[in-house]
């Protein structure tokens, strides 16, 4: 559903002719060629991520979604630990979680041993939101794969996995380095 309550329209392919990417010179690509290819691909993936969020019936920001993902995959945690995982100040994490609590996506409880501590956990509604957004993302990526010849997919998987590992990402988590748990 879109923000107006109407069903979200599927992404349309551009009607105009898209210029073919510049092919690298024969031999090993230069660092600049690789950098430009990664930037181009990352721009495309950011667009996929934004569209997957926009298709949600809930309205939230990317940082709020990131908070939901950290709680979904990393489990409940103290507010201070969540702020550290998100690399934001505790006051920023508090304001963000206040909004998510009001939406019913996050639950706030007092710690049994130290009543000054606040624990945050994702609710069933929050889990549904995360799962729905990730499924929309997967669906669009599967659609994009139709444009990539099957003979090149193993090379793509190997290259993207290598890049993710170089960036400190863990294949078990949806958000890693810089989005740590």
Protein backbone atom coordinates (compact mmCIF):
# COMPACT_ATOMS: atom_id res chain seq x y z
CA UNK A 1 0.00 0.00 0.00
CA UNK A 2 1.12 3.50 -0.72
CA UNK A 3 1.05 6.41 1.72
CA UNK A 4 -2.49 7.32 0.57
CA UNK A 5 -3.85 3.83 1.30
CA UNK A 6 -3.97 2.88 -2.36
CA UNK A 7 -1.99 -0.11 -3.60
CA UNK A 8 1.59 0.79 -4.44
CA UNK A 9 2.26 0.73 -8.16
CA UNK A 10 4.97 -1.62 -9.35
CA UNK A 11 8.20 -0.01 -10.43
CA UNK A 12 8.15 0.82 -14.12
CA UNK A 13 11.17 0.32 -16.30
CA UNK A 14 12.32 3.47 -17.99
CA UNK A 15 10.93 3.89 -21.47
CA UNK A 16 13.95 5.85 -22.68
CA UNK A 17 17.06 4.22 -24.02
CA UNK A 18 19.59 3.76 -21.23
CA UNK A 19 23.14 4.13 -22.47
CA UNK A 20 25.26 1.02 -22.15
CA UNK A 21 27.82 1.21 -19.37
CA UNK A 22 31.34 2.05 -20.40
CA UNK A 23 33.20 -1.20 -20.88
CA UNK A 24 36.56 -1.40 -19.13
CA UNK A 25 39.67 -1.69 -21.21
CA UNK A 26 40.97 -5.23 -21.84
CA UNK A 27 42.91 -6.70 -18.95
CA UNK A 28 42.42 -6.03 -15.27
CA UNK A 29 40.09 -3.11 -14.53
CA UNK A 30 41.63 -0.09 -12.88
CA UNK A 31 40.76 0.87 -9.31
CA UNK A 32 38.76 3.74 -10.79
CA UNK A 33 36.74 1.36 -13.02
CA UNK A 34 35.93 -0.85 -10.02
CA UNK A 35 35.08 2.15 -7.83
CA UNK A 36 32.70 3.58 -10.42
CA UNK A 37 31.00 0.20 -10.93
CA UNK A 38 30.50 -0.19 -7.17
CA UNK A 39 29.11 3.33 -6.84
CA UNK A 40 26.70 2.68 -9.72
CA UNK A 41 25.54 -0.62 -8.19
CA UNK A 42 25.20 0.91 -4.72
CA UNK A 43 23.03 3.70 -6.13
CA UNK A 44 20.77 1.05 -7.65
CA UNK A 45 20.61 -0.88 -4.34
CA UNK A 46 19.81 2.27 -2.36
CA UNK A 47 16.91 2.89 -4.75
CA UNK A 48 15.68 -0.68 -4.18
CA UNK A 49 15.93 -0.16 -0.40
CA UNK A 50 14.02 3.13 -0.53
CA UNK A 51 11.26 1.61 -2.67
CA UNK A 52 10.97 -1.35 -0.31
CA UNK A 53 10.42 1.05 2.60
CA UNK A 54 7.98 3.20 0.65
CA UNK A 55 5.82 0.15 -0.04
CA UNK A 56 5.10 -0.32 3.67
CA UNK A 57 1.76 0.57 5.22
CA UNK A 58 3.75 2.03 8.14
CA UNK A 59 5.47 5.36 7.69
CA UNK A 60 9.01 5.43 9.06
CA UNK A 61 12.46 6.68 8.20
CA UNK A 62 15.48 4.64 7.18
CA UNK A 63 17.08 5.16 10.64
CA UNK A 64 13.85 3.96 12.29
CA UNK A 65 13.84 0.89 10.04
CA UNK A 66 17.48 0.31 10.88
CA UNK A 67 16.48 0.34 14.56
CA UNK A 68 13.79 -2.26 13.90
CA UNK A 69 16.29 -4.45 12.03
CA UNK A 70 18.84 -4.25 14.87
CA UNK A 71 16.17 -5.30 17.38
CA UNK A 72 14.76 -7.96 15.07
CA UNK A 73 18.07 -9.68 14.34
CA UNK A 74 20.06 -8.66 17.42
CA UNK A 75 17.37 -9.18 20.06
CA UNK A 76 16.16 -6.89 22.79
CA UNK A 77 18.69 -4.64 24.44
CA UNK A 78 19.21 -1.73 26.77
CA UNK A 79 18.72 1.73 25.30
CA UNK A 80 22.41 2.58 25.75
CA UNK A 81 23.42 -0.61 23.90
CA UNK A 82 20.97 0.12 21.08
CA UNK A 83 22.35 3.66 20.72
CA UNK A 84 25.87 2.22 20.50
CA UNK A 85 24.81 -0.39 17.90
CA UNK A 86 23.19 2.37 15.82
CA UNK A 87 26.15 4.72 16.38
CA UNK A 88 23.88 7.49 17.62
CA UNK A 89 23.63 9.36 20.89
CA UNK A 90 21.35 7.92 23.59
CA UNK A 91 19.05 10.94 23.25
CA UNK A 92 18.68 10.31 19.50
CA UNK A 93 17.95 6.63 20.15
CA UNK A 94 15.39 7.62 22.79
CA UNK A 95 13.51 9.95 20.41
CA UNK A 96 13.60 7.38 17.63
CA UNK A 97 12.31 4.64 19.93
CA UNK A 98 9.61 6.94 21.33
CA UNK A 99 8.17 7.19 17.81
CA UNK A 100 8.44 3.43 17.24
CA UNK A 101 6.78 2.70 20.61
CA UNK A 102 3.88 5.04 19.70
CA UNK A 103 3.48 3.10 16.43
CA UNK A 104 3.41 -0.20 18.33
CA UNK A 105 6.56 -1.48 16.60
CA UNK A 106 8.84 -1.45 19.66
CA UNK A 107 8.10 -2.25 23.33
CA UNK A 108 9.85 -0.54 26.21
CA UNK A 109 10.21 -2.29 29.60
CA UNK A 110 12.13 -1.63 32.79
CA UNK A 111 14.98 -3.97 33.67
CA UNK A 112 14.06 -6.32 36.54
CA UNK A 113 17.44 -5.93 38.25
CA UNK A 114 18.02 -2.21 37.66
CA UNK A 115 14.79 -0.22 37.33
CA UNK A 116 16.77 2.73 35.93
CA UNK A 117 17.58 0.70 32.82
CA UNK A 118 15.16 0.59 29.90
CA UNK A 119 15.04 -2.48 27.68
CA UNK A 120 13.73 -2.29 24.13
CA UNK A 121 12.38 -5.13 22.03
CA UNK A 122 10.62 -5.41 18.72
CA UNK A 123 6.92 -6.26 18.79
CA UNK A 124 5.14 -8.78 16.57
CA UNK A 125 3.98 -5.83 14.43
CA UNK A 126 7.55 -4.60 14.16
CA UNK A 127 8.72 -8.07 13.08
CA UNK A 128 6.03 -8.14 10.39
CA UNK A 129 7.17 -4.75 9.10
CA UNK A 130 10.81 -5.88 8.88
CA UNK A 131 9.88 -9.15 7.18
CA UNK A 132 7.56 -7.39 4.70
CA UNK A 133 10.16 -4.77 3.76
CA UNK A 134 12.88 -7.38 3.32
CA UNK A 135 10.56 -9.54 1.21
CA UNK A 136 9.74 -6.55 -1.05
CA UNK A 137 13.47 -5.93 -1.39
CA UNK A 138 14.15 -9.57 -2.24
CA UNK A 139 11.31 -9.58 -4.76
CA UNK A 140 12.64 -6.55 -6.61
CA UNK A 141 16.18 -7.93 -6.60
CA UNK A 142 14.89 -11.22 -8.04
CA UNK A 143 13.23 -9.18 -10.78
CA UNK A 144 16.52 -7.41 -11.50
CA UNK A 145 18.27 -10.77 -11.76
CA UNK A 146 16.20 -11.46 -14.85
CA UNK A 147 18.38 -8.90 -16.63
CA UNK A 148 21.61 -10.72 -15.72
CA UNK A 149 22.62 -13.71 -17.85
CA UNK A 150 22.72 -16.93 -15.83
CA UNK A 151 26.28 -17.58 -17.01
CA UNK A 152 27.44 -14.44 -15.13
CA UNK A 153 25.55 -14.99 -11.87
CA UNK A 154 28.24 -17.11 -10.13
CA UNK A 155 30.79 -14.39 -10.87
CA UNK A 156 28.33 -11.79 -9.51
CA UNK A 157 27.76 -13.78 -6.30
CA UNK A 158 31.51 -14.24 -5.77
CA UNK A 159 32.28 -10.57 -6.43
CA UNK A 160 29.49 -9.23 -4.21
CA UNK A 161 30.39 -11.66 -1.41
CA UNK A 162 34.03 -10.58 -1.60
CA UNK A 163 33.01 -6.92 -1.50
CA UNK A 164 30.69 -7.50 1.47
CA UNK A 165 33.44 -9.32 3.39
CA UNK A 166 35.90 -6.51 2.64
CA UNK A 167 33.35 -4.08 4.09
CA UNK A 168 33.03 -6.21 7.25
CA UNK A 169 29.55 -7.56 6.50
CA UNK A 170 28.38 -10.87 7.91
CA UNK A 171 26.28 -13.09 5.64
CA UNK A 172 24.11 -14.07 8.63
CA UNK A 173 22.94 -10.51 9.28
CA UNK A 174 21.02 -8.07 7.12
CA UNK A 175 22.98 -5.11 8.50
CA UNK A 176 26.57 -5.31 9.59
CA UNK A 177 29.54 -2.98 9.74
CA UNK A 178 28.27 0.47 10.60
CA UNK A 179 24.95 -1.19 11.34
CA UNK A 180 26.41 -3.55 13.92
CA UNK A 181 24.66 -5.61 16.52
